[in-house]
């Protein structure tokens, strides 16, 4: 795709903003483990034909132990995170849980600074403060209710 990366990111945000609506609806009748199992099975089933027809098979020889770990670790982190997210979503409203999980850029900035030696600019500090403030504003009643 040769589209503007910022436009692509906004499309992703719109898709990811819609997903919790269906996730919450599915949690009314099914448990998180079942939903996640079916979801990942179906995604794998959809990706296999794409993998084969787009010649991705030719990259299989590049799969050494290090590359497998680099692929596997974020996959495992995502599965664990999604499992915990579904349990949180099952116990509260989508409009509360989704903004709380949306603070992950705070962690990404911190981890990128430590592991990737990325800079921690003034803009990132201000953006981080705004993220925290936004989540607090959306959920402030939860912090002060007795």
N, C-alpha and C. Protein backbone atom coordinates (compact mmCIF):
# COMPACT_ATOMS: atom_id res chain seq x y z
N UNK A 1 0.84 -1.19 0.00
CA UNK A 1 0.00 0.00 0.00
C UNK A 1 0.88 1.25 0.00
N UNK A 2 0.54 2.18 -0.84
CA UNK A 2 1.31 3.42 -0.91
C UNK A 2 0.52 4.60 -0.38
N UNK A 3 -0.43 4.35 0.51
CA UNK A 3 -1.21 5.43 1.10
C UNK A 3 -0.40 6.11 2.19
N UNK A 4 -0.81 7.29 2.53
CA UNK A 4 -0.17 8.06 3.59
C UNK A 4 -0.25 7.27 4.90
N UNK A 5 0.89 7.10 5.59
CA UNK A 5 0.88 6.33 6.84
C UNK A 5 -0.07 6.91 7.89
N UNK A 6 -0.23 8.22 7.94
CA UNK A 6 -1.15 8.82 8.90
C UNK A 6 -2.60 8.49 8.57
N UNK A 7 -2.93 8.46 7.28
CA UNK A 7 -4.27 8.06 6.85
C UNK A 7 -4.51 6.59 7.21
N UNK A 8 -3.51 5.75 6.97
CA UNK A 8 -3.64 4.35 7.33
C UNK A 8 -3.85 4.19 8.83
N UNK A 9 -3.13 4.96 9.63
CA UNK A 9 -3.29 4.89 11.08
C UNK A 9 -4.69 5.31 11.51
N UNK A 10 -5.27 6.31 10.86
CA UNK A 10 -6.64 6.72 11.17
C UNK A 10 -7.65 5.64 10.78
N UNK A 11 -7.39 4.97 9.68
CA UNK A 11 -8.27 3.87 9.28
C UNK A 11 -8.20 2.76 10.33
N UNK A 12 -6.99 2.46 10.78
CA UNK A 12 -6.81 1.45 11.83
C UNK A 12 -7.57 1.87 13.09
N UNK A 13 -7.45 3.14 13.47
CA UNK A 13 -8.15 3.64 14.66
C UNK A 13 -9.67 3.47 14.51
N UNK A 14 -10.19 3.75 13.32
CA UNK A 14 -11.62 3.60 13.09
C UNK A 14 -12.04 2.13 13.20
N UNK A 15 -11.25 1.24 12.63
CA UNK A 15 -11.56 -0.19 12.71
C UNK A 15 -11.45 -0.69 14.14
N UNK A 16 -10.38 -0.30 14.82
CA UNK A 16 -10.19 -0.71 16.21
C UNK A 16 -11.22 -0.08 17.13
N UNK A 17 -11.74 1.07 16.77
CA UNK A 17 -12.80 1.70 17.56
C UNK A 17 -14.12 0.97 17.44
N UNK A 18 -14.34 0.32 16.30
CA UNK A 18 -15.58 -0.43 16.07
C UNK A 18 -15.51 -1.83 16.69
N UNK A 19 -14.34 -2.41 16.71
CA UNK A 19 -14.17 -3.79 17.20
C UNK A 19 -14.72 -4.00 18.62
N UNK A 20 -14.47 -3.10 19.59
CA UNK A 20 -14.99 -3.35 20.94
C UNK A 20 -16.51 -3.44 21.03
N UNK A 21 -17.20 -2.82 20.11
CA UNK A 21 -18.66 -2.90 20.12
C UNK A 21 -19.08 -4.36 19.90
N UNK A 22 -18.49 -4.99 18.89
CA UNK A 22 -18.80 -6.39 18.61
C UNK A 22 -18.24 -7.31 19.69
N UNK A 23 -17.07 -6.97 20.23
CA UNK A 23 -16.49 -7.78 21.31
C UNK A 23 -17.41 -7.78 22.52
N UNK A 24 -17.91 -6.61 22.89
CA UNK A 24 -18.81 -6.51 24.05
C UNK A 24 -20.09 -7.30 23.78
N UNK A 25 -20.62 -7.20 22.55
CA UNK A 25 -21.83 -7.95 22.21
C UNK A 25 -21.58 -9.46 22.31
N UNK A 26 -20.41 -9.93 21.88
CA UNK A 26 -20.13 -11.36 21.95
C UNK A 26 -19.99 -11.83 23.39
N UNK A 27 -19.52 -10.95 24.27
CA UNK A 27 -19.33 -11.33 25.67
C UNK A 27 -20.64 -11.48 26.43
N UNK A 28 -21.74 -11.03 25.85
CA UNK A 28 -23.05 -11.21 26.49
C UNK A 28 -23.48 -12.68 26.48
N UNK A 29 -22.98 -13.44 25.50
CA UNK A 29 -23.44 -14.83 25.38
C UNK A 29 -22.31 -15.87 25.41
N UNK A 30 -21.05 -15.42 25.34
CA UNK A 30 -19.93 -16.37 25.29
C UNK A 30 -18.83 -15.91 26.24
N UNK A 31 -17.96 -16.85 26.64
CA UNK A 31 -16.87 -16.47 27.55
C UNK A 31 -15.63 -16.05 26.76
N UNK A 32 -14.75 -15.25 27.39
CA UNK A 32 -13.57 -14.71 26.69
C UNK A 32 -12.66 -15.77 26.07
N UNK A 33 -12.42 -16.86 26.77
CA UNK A 33 -11.51 -17.88 26.24
C UNK A 33 -12.06 -18.50 24.96
N UNK A 34 -13.35 -18.80 24.95
CA UNK A 34 -13.98 -19.36 23.75
C UNK A 34 -13.89 -18.37 22.59
N UNK A 35 -14.23 -17.11 22.86
CA UNK A 35 -14.21 -16.08 21.81
C UNK A 35 -12.81 -15.94 21.22
N UNK A 36 -11.81 -15.86 22.08
CA UNK A 36 -10.44 -15.70 21.60
C UNK A 36 -9.98 -16.91 20.80
N UNK A 37 -10.33 -18.09 21.26
CA UNK A 37 -9.93 -19.31 20.54
C UNK A 37 -10.52 -19.32 19.14
N UNK A 38 -11.80 -19.05 19.04
CA UNK A 38 -12.46 -19.02 17.73
C UNK A 38 -11.88 -17.90 16.86
N UNK A 39 -11.67 -16.74 17.45
CA UNK A 39 -11.13 -15.60 16.71
C UNK A 39 -9.78 -15.94 16.09
N UNK A 40 -8.86 -16.47 16.89
CA UNK A 40 -7.52 -16.74 16.37
C UNK A 40 -7.52 -17.92 15.39
N UNK A 41 -8.37 -18.90 15.61
CA UNK A 41 -8.49 -20.00 14.66
C UNK A 41 -8.97 -19.47 13.30
N UNK A 42 -10.00 -18.63 13.32
CA UNK A 42 -10.55 -18.09 12.08
C UNK A 42 -9.56 -17.18 11.38
N UNK A 43 -8.83 -16.37 12.14
CA UNK A 43 -7.83 -15.48 11.54
C UNK A 43 -6.74 -16.31 10.87
N UNK A 44 -6.27 -17.36 11.56
CA UNK A 44 -5.24 -18.23 10.97
C UNK A 44 -5.77 -18.87 9.69
N UNK A 45 -7.01 -19.34 9.73
CA UNK A 45 -7.60 -19.97 8.54
C UNK A 45 -7.69 -18.99 7.38
N UNK A 46 -7.97 -17.74 7.66
CA UNK A 46 -8.04 -16.72 6.60
C UNK A 46 -6.65 -16.33 6.09
N UNK A 47 -5.65 -16.37 6.96
CA UNK A 47 -4.30 -15.96 6.56
C UNK A 47 -3.55 -17.01 5.77
N UNK A 48 -3.81 -18.28 5.99
CA UNK A 48 -3.07 -19.34 5.30
C UNK A 48 -3.18 -19.21 3.77
N UNK A 49 -4.38 -19.07 3.21
CA UNK A 49 -4.44 -18.90 1.74
C UNK A 49 -3.69 -17.64 1.26
N UNK A 50 -3.78 -16.56 2.01
CA UNK A 50 -3.05 -15.33 1.66
C UNK A 50 -1.54 -15.59 1.70
N UNK A 51 -1.10 -16.30 2.72
CA UNK A 51 0.31 -16.65 2.89
C UNK A 51 0.83 -17.43 1.69
N UNK A 52 0.03 -18.36 1.22
CA UNK A 52 0.45 -19.22 0.11
C UNK A 52 0.38 -18.48 -1.22
N UNK A 53 -0.73 -17.77 -1.47
CA UNK A 53 -0.92 -17.13 -2.78
C UNK A 53 -0.06 -15.90 -3.00
N UNK A 54 0.48 -15.31 -1.94
CA UNK A 54 1.32 -14.12 -2.11
C UNK A 54 2.81 -14.46 -1.99
N UNK A 55 3.14 -15.72 -2.12
CA UNK A 55 4.52 -16.19 -2.12
C UNK A 55 5.28 -15.91 -0.83
N UNK A 56 4.60 -15.81 0.28
CA UNK A 56 5.27 -15.61 1.56
C UNK A 56 6.06 -16.85 1.97
N UNK A 57 5.73 -17.98 1.35
CA UNK A 57 6.41 -19.24 1.65
C UNK A 57 7.91 -19.13 1.39
N UNK A 58 8.29 -18.31 0.41
CA UNK A 58 9.71 -18.19 0.07
C UNK A 58 10.54 -17.58 1.21
N UNK A 59 9.89 -16.95 2.20
CA UNK A 59 10.62 -16.36 3.32
C UNK A 59 10.83 -17.35 4.47
N UNK A 60 10.28 -18.55 4.38
CA UNK A 60 10.43 -19.55 5.43
C UNK A 60 11.88 -19.85 5.80
N UNK A 61 12.81 -19.91 4.83
CA UNK A 61 14.21 -20.17 5.21
C UNK A 61 14.81 -19.10 6.14
N UNK A 62 14.23 -17.90 6.18
CA UNK A 62 14.73 -16.83 7.06
C UNK A 62 14.33 -17.03 8.52
N UNK A 63 13.51 -18.02 8.79
CA UNK A 63 13.04 -18.26 10.16
C UNK A 63 14.10 -19.00 10.97
N UNK A 64 15.00 -18.24 11.55
CA UNK A 64 15.94 -18.82 12.50
C UNK A 64 15.37 -18.62 13.90
N UNK A 65 16.08 -19.10 14.91
CA UNK A 65 15.57 -19.04 16.28
C UNK A 65 15.30 -17.60 16.72
N UNK A 66 16.22 -16.68 16.41
CA UNK A 66 16.05 -15.27 16.81
C UNK A 66 14.80 -14.67 16.16
N UNK A 67 14.62 -14.92 14.87
CA UNK A 67 13.45 -14.37 14.17
C UNK A 67 12.15 -14.95 14.71
N UNK A 68 12.17 -16.22 15.04
CA UNK A 68 10.97 -16.85 15.61
C UNK A 68 10.63 -16.20 16.94
N UNK A 69 11.64 -15.95 17.78
CA UNK A 69 11.40 -15.28 19.07
C UNK A 69 10.86 -13.87 18.88
N UNK A 70 11.43 -13.14 17.91
CA UNK A 70 10.99 -11.76 17.66
C UNK A 70 9.54 -11.73 17.18
N UNK A 71 9.10 -12.77 16.51
CA UNK A 71 7.71 -12.88 16.07
C UNK A 71 6.83 -13.41 17.20
N UNK A 72 7.32 -14.41 17.91
CA UNK A 72 6.52 -15.10 18.93
C UNK A 72 6.25 -14.24 20.16
N UNK A 73 7.24 -13.52 20.64
CA UNK A 73 7.06 -12.74 21.88
C UNK A 73 5.94 -11.72 21.76
N UNK A 74 5.93 -10.86 20.73
CA UNK A 74 4.79 -9.92 20.66
C UNK A 74 3.46 -10.62 20.43
N UNK A 75 3.48 -11.76 19.74
CA UNK A 75 2.25 -12.53 19.57
C UNK A 75 1.71 -13.03 20.89
N UNK A 76 2.61 -13.56 21.73
CA UNK A 76 2.19 -14.03 23.06
C UNK A 76 1.72 -12.87 23.93
N UNK A 77 2.44 -11.75 23.87
CA UNK A 77 2.02 -10.58 24.64
C UNK A 77 0.65 -10.11 24.19
N UNK A 78 0.40 -10.14 22.89
CA UNK A 78 -0.90 -9.73 22.36
C UNK A 78 -2.01 -10.66 22.84
N UNK A 79 -1.76 -11.97 22.80
CA UNK A 79 -2.78 -12.93 23.22
C UNK A 79 -3.09 -12.74 24.72
N UNK A 80 -2.05 -12.61 25.53
CA UNK A 80 -2.25 -12.39 26.97
C UNK A 80 -3.01 -11.08 27.19
N UNK A 81 -2.59 -10.02 26.50
CA UNK A 81 -3.26 -8.73 26.63
C UNK A 81 -4.71 -8.78 26.21
N UNK A 82 -4.98 -9.44 25.09
CA UNK A 82 -6.36 -9.53 24.61
C UNK A 82 -7.21 -10.35 25.57
N UNK A 83 -6.64 -11.42 26.13
CA UNK A 83 -7.38 -12.22 27.10
C UNK A 83 -7.75 -11.38 28.33
N UNK A 84 -6.79 -10.63 28.86
CA UNK A 84 -7.06 -9.77 30.02
C UNK A 84 -8.06 -8.67 29.64
N UNK A 85 -7.90 -8.10 28.45
CA UNK A 85 -8.81 -7.06 27.96
C UNK A 85 -10.24 -7.59 27.88
N UNK A 86 -10.43 -8.79 27.34
CA UNK A 86 -11.78 -9.36 27.23
C UNK A 86 -12.40 -9.56 28.61
N UNK A 87 -11.60 -9.99 29.57
CA UNK A 87 -12.12 -10.15 30.93
C UNK A 87 -12.48 -8.80 31.54
N UNK A 88 -11.68 -7.78 31.28
CA UNK A 88 -12.02 -6.43 31.76
C UNK A 88 -13.30 -5.94 31.09
N UNK A 89 -13.40 -6.17 29.78
CA UNK A 89 -14.57 -5.74 29.02
C UNK A 89 -15.83 -6.46 29.49
N UNK A 90 -15.68 -7.73 29.86
CA UNK A 90 -16.83 -8.49 30.35
C UNK A 90 -17.33 -7.93 31.68
N UNK A 91 -16.45 -7.30 32.46
CA UNK A 91 -16.83 -6.80 33.78
C UNK A 91 -17.18 -5.34 33.83
N UNK A 92 -17.07 -4.63 32.72
CA UNK A 92 -17.37 -3.20 32.72
C UNK A 92 -17.89 -2.79 31.35
N UNK A 93 -17.98 -1.49 31.12
CA UNK A 93 -18.50 -0.99 29.85
C UNK A 93 -17.36 -0.75 28.87
N UNK A 94 -17.67 -0.87 27.59
CA UNK A 94 -16.67 -0.63 26.54
C UNK A 94 -16.16 0.81 26.61
N UNK A 95 -17.05 1.74 26.93
CA UNK A 95 -16.65 3.15 26.96
C UNK A 95 -15.69 3.47 28.11
N UNK A 96 -15.57 2.58 29.08
CA UNK A 96 -14.60 2.77 30.17
C UNK A 96 -13.32 1.98 29.92
N UNK A 97 -13.47 0.75 29.50
CA UNK A 97 -12.31 -0.13 29.35
C UNK A 97 -11.44 0.27 28.16
N UNK A 98 -12.04 0.58 27.03
CA UNK A 98 -11.26 0.91 25.84
C UNK A 98 -10.36 2.13 26.07
N UNK A 99 -10.85 3.24 26.64
CA UNK A 99 -9.93 4.35 26.91
C UNK A 99 -8.80 3.98 27.87
N UNK A 100 -9.09 3.15 28.86
CA UNK A 100 -8.02 2.73 29.77
C UNK A 100 -6.95 1.93 29.05
N UNK A 101 -7.36 1.05 28.16
CA UNK A 101 -6.38 0.26 27.43
C UNK A 101 -5.66 1.12 26.39
N UNK A 102 -6.24 2.24 26.05
CA UNK A 102 -5.63 3.12 25.05
C UNK A 102 -4.46 3.91 25.60
N UNK A 103 -4.08 3.70 26.84
CA UNK A 103 -2.90 4.38 27.38
C UNK A 103 -1.62 3.62 27.03
N UNK A 104 -1.74 2.58 26.24
CA UNK A 104 -0.55 1.80 25.91
C UNK A 104 0.56 2.63 25.25
N UNK A 105 0.28 3.75 24.54
CA UNK A 105 1.41 4.55 24.03
C UNK A 105 2.34 5.06 25.14
N UNK A 106 1.80 5.24 26.35
CA UNK A 106 2.67 5.63 27.46
C UNK A 106 3.76 4.59 27.66
N UNK A 107 3.34 3.35 27.67
CA UNK A 107 4.28 2.25 27.87
C UNK A 107 5.20 2.09 26.66
N UNK A 108 4.64 2.27 25.46
CA UNK A 108 5.46 2.16 24.26
C UNK A 108 6.57 3.19 24.26
N UNK A 109 6.27 4.43 24.62
CA UNK A 109 7.30 5.48 24.67
C UNK A 109 8.40 5.11 25.67
N UNK A 110 7.98 4.63 26.83
CA UNK A 110 8.94 4.23 27.87
C UNK A 110 9.80 3.06 27.39
N UNK A 111 9.17 2.01 26.86
CA UNK A 111 9.90 0.85 26.39
C UNK A 111 10.79 1.19 25.20
N UNK A 112 10.32 2.05 24.29
CA UNK A 112 11.12 2.45 23.14
C UNK A 112 12.36 3.22 23.59
N UNK A 113 12.22 4.01 24.63
CA UNK A 113 13.37 4.74 25.19
C UNK A 113 14.39 3.76 25.75
N UNK A 114 13.92 2.76 26.48
CA UNK A 114 14.82 1.79 27.12
C UNK A 114 15.43 0.82 26.11
N UNK A 115 14.60 0.18 25.30
CA UNK A 115 15.08 -0.90 24.44
C UNK A 115 15.57 -0.46 23.07
N UNK A 116 14.98 0.60 22.52
CA UNK A 116 15.33 1.04 21.17
C UNK A 116 16.15 2.33 21.17
N UNK A 117 16.38 2.88 22.35
CA UNK A 117 17.15 4.13 22.50
C UNK A 117 16.52 5.29 21.73
N UNK A 118 15.17 5.28 21.63
CA UNK A 118 14.48 6.40 20.99
C UNK A 118 14.44 7.58 21.94
N UNK A 119 14.43 8.77 21.38
CA UNK A 119 14.44 9.96 22.22
C UNK A 119 13.12 10.15 22.94
N UNK A 120 13.18 10.90 24.01
CA UNK A 120 11.98 11.23 24.79
C UNK A 120 11.80 12.73 24.68
N UNK A 121 11.17 13.18 23.60
CA UNK A 121 11.05 14.59 23.27
C UNK A 121 10.00 15.29 24.11
N UNK A 122 10.02 16.61 24.05
CA UNK A 122 9.02 17.43 24.73
C UNK A 122 7.62 17.07 24.26
N UNK A 123 7.48 16.83 22.95
CA UNK A 123 6.18 16.48 22.39
C UNK A 123 5.66 15.17 22.98
N UNK A 124 6.55 14.21 23.17
CA UNK A 124 6.12 12.93 23.74
C UNK A 124 5.72 13.08 25.20
N UNK A 125 6.44 13.92 25.93
CA UNK A 125 6.09 14.17 27.34
C UNK A 125 4.73 14.84 27.42
N UNK A 126 4.50 15.86 26.60
CA UNK A 126 3.21 16.57 26.60
C UNK A 126 2.09 15.62 26.17
N UNK A 127 2.35 14.83 25.12
CA UNK A 127 1.34 13.86 24.66
C UNK A 127 1.01 12.85 25.74
N UNK A 128 2.02 12.40 26.46
CA UNK A 128 1.81 11.45 27.55
C UNK A 128 0.94 12.06 28.64
N UNK A 129 1.22 13.28 29.00
CA UNK A 129 0.42 13.98 30.01
C UNK A 129 -1.03 14.11 29.54
N UNK A 130 -1.22 14.42 28.27
CA UNK A 130 -2.58 14.56 27.73
C UNK A 130 -3.32 13.22 27.72
N UNK A 131 -2.60 12.14 27.44
CA UNK A 131 -3.23 10.81 27.47
C UNK A 131 -3.73 10.50 28.87
N UNK A 132 -2.86 10.70 29.85
CA UNK A 132 -3.23 10.43 31.25
C UNK A 132 -4.40 11.32 31.66
N UNK A 133 -4.34 12.59 31.30
CA UNK A 133 -5.42 13.51 31.64
C UNK A 133 -6.73 13.08 30.99
N UNK A 134 -6.67 12.66 29.73
CA UNK A 134 -7.87 12.23 29.02
C UNK A 134 -8.52 11.00 29.66
N UNK A 135 -7.70 10.03 30.03
CA UNK A 135 -8.24 8.83 30.68
C UNK A 135 -8.81 9.19 32.05
N UNK A 136 -8.14 10.06 32.77
CA UNK A 136 -8.65 10.50 34.08
C UNK A 136 -9.99 11.20 33.93
N UNK A 137 -10.11 12.09 32.94
CA UNK A 137 -11.36 12.82 32.72
C UNK A 137 -12.50 11.85 32.37
N UNK A 138 -12.21 10.86 31.53
CA UNK A 138 -13.24 9.90 31.14
C UNK A 138 -13.70 9.03 32.30
N UNK A 139 -12.82 8.81 33.29
CA UNK A 139 -13.12 7.87 34.35
C UNK A 139 -13.04 8.47 35.75
N UNK A 140 -13.04 9.79 35.88
CA UNK A 140 -12.79 10.41 37.18
C UNK A 140 -13.81 10.00 38.24
N UNK A 141 -15.05 9.73 37.86
CA UNK A 141 -16.04 9.32 38.85
C UNK A 141 -15.66 8.00 39.51
N UNK A 142 -15.03 7.11 38.76
CA UNK A 142 -14.60 5.83 39.30
C UNK A 142 -13.53 6.01 40.40
N UNK A 143 -12.73 7.05 40.26
CA UNK A 143 -11.65 7.29 41.23
C UNK A 143 -12.16 7.90 42.53
N UNK A 144 -13.29 8.60 42.47
CA UNK A 144 -13.76 9.33 43.65
C UNK A 144 -15.06 8.81 44.23
N UNK A 145 -15.63 7.76 43.68
CA UNK A 145 -16.84 7.18 44.24
C UNK A 145 -16.48 6.36 45.49
N UNK A 146 -17.37 6.41 46.46
CA UNK A 146 -17.12 5.64 47.69
C UNK A 146 -17.69 4.27 47.57
